[in-house]
Amino acid sequence: MKILSKNNALRRRRFLRLNILAALVVLIASAYMVITGEYSSLQERQSADQIYNILIIGSIIYMAAVWVSCVMTKPFWFPNNTPD
């Protein structure tokens, strides 16, 4: 993996953290819709809850994958910040 300049490394880390934040927003919005959703029939509730559950699980998996990539690539992006 390529060693980046400090400015590029900070920019990539900020981008990854914003991706984690965006996935968290999707997670919170989906959970809110599951809890407070009003439906006129059982079929509507089941289909909507299925979609929201997929969004919730997908956002959790996406957050975990981005976080792992952020943690695992940090030594390559910030090689001078290693503890002594």
C-alpha atoms as a PDB file:
ATOM      1  CA  MET A   1       0.000   0.000   0.000  1.00  0.00           C
ATOM      2  CA  LYS A   2       1.218   3.489  -0.838  1.00  0.00           C
ATOM      3  CA  ILE A   3       2.368   5.836   1.927  1.00  0.00           C
ATOM      4  CA  LEU A   4       0.349   9.034   1.683  1.00  0.00           C
ATOM      5  CA  SER A   5       1.196  12.589   2.574  1.00  0.00           C
ATOM      6  CA  LYS A   6      -0.269  13.862   5.820  1.00  0.00           C
ATOM      7  CA  ASN A   7      -2.887  15.974   4.005  1.00  0.00           C
ATOM      8  CA  ASN A   8      -4.092  13.100   1.801  1.00  0.00           C
ATOM      9  CA  ALA A   9      -4.155  10.705   4.739  1.00  0.00           C
ATOM     10  CA  LEU A  10      -6.292  13.096   6.775  1.00  0.00           C
ATOM     11  CA  ARG A  11      -8.627  13.595   3.824  1.00  0.00           C
ATOM     12  CA  ARG A  12      -9.108   9.840   3.347  1.00  0.00           C
ATOM     13  CA  ARG A  13      -9.676   9.277   7.053  1.00  0.00           C
ATOM     14  CA  ARG A  14     -12.268  12.079   7.109  1.00  0.00           C
ATOM     15  CA  PHE A  15     -13.988  10.559   4.065  1.00  0.00           C
ATOM     16  CA  LEU A  16     -14.178   7.131   5.733  1.00  0.00           C
ATOM     17  CA  ARG A  17     -15.519   8.629   8.941  1.00  0.00           C
ATOM     18  CA  LEU A  18     -18.189  10.504   6.984  1.00  0.00           C
ATOM     19  CA  ASN A  19     -19.189   7.191   5.390  1.00  0.00           C
ATOM     20  CA  ILE A  20     -19.582   5.700   8.861  1.00  0.00           C
ATOM     21  CA  LEU A  21     -21.679   8.697   9.900  1.00  0.00           C
ATOM     22  CA  ALA A  22     -23.884   8.374   6.790  1.00  0.00           C
ATOM     23  CA  ALA A  23     -24.489   4.692   7.533  1.00  0.00           C
ATOM     24  CA  LEU A  24     -25.358   5.602  11.117  1.00  0.00           C
ATOM     25  CA  VAL A  25     -27.926   8.121   9.847  1.00  0.00           C
ATOM     26  CA  VAL A  26     -29.491   5.419   7.645  1.00  0.00           C
ATOM     27  CA  LEU A  27     -29.549   3.045  10.618  1.00  0.00           C
ATOM     28  CA  ILE A  28     -31.233   5.581  12.903  1.00  0.00           C
ATOM     29  CA  ALA A  29     -33.757   6.653  10.258  1.00  0.00           C
ATOM     30  CA  SER A  30     -34.689   3.059   9.454  1.00  0.00           C
ATOM     31  CA  ALA A  31     -35.061   2.149  13.119  1.00  0.00           C
ATOM     32  CA  TYR A  32     -37.214   5.232  13.670  1.00  0.00           C
ATOM     33  CA  MET A  33     -39.466   4.254  10.763  1.00  0.00           C
ATOM     34  CA  VAL A  34     -39.821   0.709  12.100  1.00  0.00           C
ATOM     35  CA  ILE A  35     -40.803   1.979  15.537  1.00  0.00           C
ATOM     36  CA  THR A  36     -43.123   4.817  14.534  1.00  0.00           C
ATOM     37  CA  GLY A  37     -44.504   3.609  11.203  1.00  0.00           C
ATOM     38  CA  GLU A  38     -48.278   3.762  10.725  1.00  0.00           C
ATOM     39  CA  TYR A  39     -49.740   1.303   8.261  1.00  0.00           C
ATOM     40  CA  SER A  40     -53.270   0.678   7.084  1.00  0.00           C
ATOM     41  CA  SER A  41     -52.856  -3.074   6.684  1.00  0.00           C
ATOM     42  CA  LEU A  42     -50.711  -5.945   7.856  1.00  0.00           C
ATOM     43  CA  GLN A  43     -49.291  -6.512   4.357  1.00  0.00           C
ATOM     44  CA  GLU A  44     -48.030  -2.926   4.186  1.00  0.00           C
ATOM     45  CA  ARG A  45     -46.403  -3.258   7.582  1.00  0.00           C
ATOM     46  CA  GLN A  46     -44.699  -6.535   6.695  1.00  0.00           C
ATOM     47  CA  SER A  47     -43.326  -5.277   3.387  1.00  0.00           C
ATOM     48  CA  ALA A  48     -42.116  -1.981   4.861  1.00  0.00           C
ATOM     49  CA  ASP A  49     -40.548  -3.637   7.893  1.00  0.00           C
ATOM     50  CA  GLN A  50     -38.745  -6.086   5.635  1.00  0.00           C
ATOM     51  CA  ILE A  51     -37.199  -3.232   3.664  1.00  0.00           C
ATOM     52  CA  TYR A  52     -36.263  -1.307   6.808  1.00  0.00           C
ATOM     53  CA  ASN A  53     -34.713  -4.395   8.378  1.00  0.00           C
ATOM     54  CA  ILE A  54     -32.578  -4.948   5.280  1.00  0.00           C
ATOM     55  CA  LEU A  55     -31.463  -1.306   5.464  1.00  0.00           C
ATOM     56  CA  ILE A  56     -30.626  -1.657   9.153  1.00  0.00           C
ATOM     57  CA  ILE A  57     -28.582  -4.825   8.676  1.00  0.00           C
ATOM     58  CA  GLY A  58     -26.897  -3.427   5.572  1.00  0.00           C
ATOM     59  CA  SER A  59     -25.905  -0.214   7.317  1.00  0.00           C
ATOM     60  CA  ILE A  60     -24.449  -2.132  10.268  1.00  0.00           C
ATOM     61  CA  ILE A  61     -22.388  -4.320   7.939  1.00  0.00           C
ATOM     62  CA  TYR A  62     -21.281  -1.281   5.927  1.00  0.00           C
ATOM     63  CA  MET A  63     -20.254   0.615   9.077  1.00  0.00           C
ATOM     64  CA  ALA A  64     -18.252  -2.376  10.293  1.00  0.00           C
ATOM     65  CA  ALA A  65     -16.495  -2.842   6.944  1.00  0.00           C
ATOM     66  CA  VAL A  66     -15.562   0.831   6.643  1.00  0.00           C
ATOM     67  CA  TRP A  67     -14.392   0.968  10.254  1.00  0.00           C
ATOM     68  CA  VAL A  68     -12.219  -2.119   9.791  1.00  0.00           C
ATOM     69  CA  SER A  69     -10.696  -0.672   6.618  1.00  0.00           C
ATOM     70  CA  CYS A  70     -10.034   2.600   8.448  1.00  0.00           C
ATOM     71  CA  VAL A  71      -8.317   0.830  11.348  1.00  0.00           C
ATOM     72  CA  MET A  72      -6.336  -1.642   9.240  1.00  0.00           C
ATOM     73  CA  THR A  73      -4.947   0.938   6.819  1.00  0.00           C
ATOM     74  CA  LYS A  74      -3.971   3.530   9.448  1.00  0.00           C
ATOM     75  CA  PRO A  75      -0.375   2.224   9.818  1.00  0.00           C
ATOM     76  CA  PHE A  76       0.114   2.645   6.075  1.00  0.00           C
ATOM     77  CA  TRP A  77      -1.372   6.132   5.913  1.00  0.00           C
ATOM     78  CA  PHE A  78       0.259   7.491   9.086  1.00  0.00           C
ATOM     79  CA  PRO A  79       3.597   5.614   9.378  1.00  0.00           C
ATOM     80  CA  ASN A  80       5.243   8.281  11.570  1.00  0.00           C
ATOM     81  CA  ASN A  81       2.544   8.078  14.265  1.00  0.00           C
ATOM     82  CA  THR A  82       3.507   4.649  15.540  1.00  0.00           C
ATOM     83  CA  PRO A  83       3.877   4.392  19.328  1.00  0.00           C
ATOM     84  CA  ASP A  84       7.403   4.010  20.683  1.00  0.00           C
END
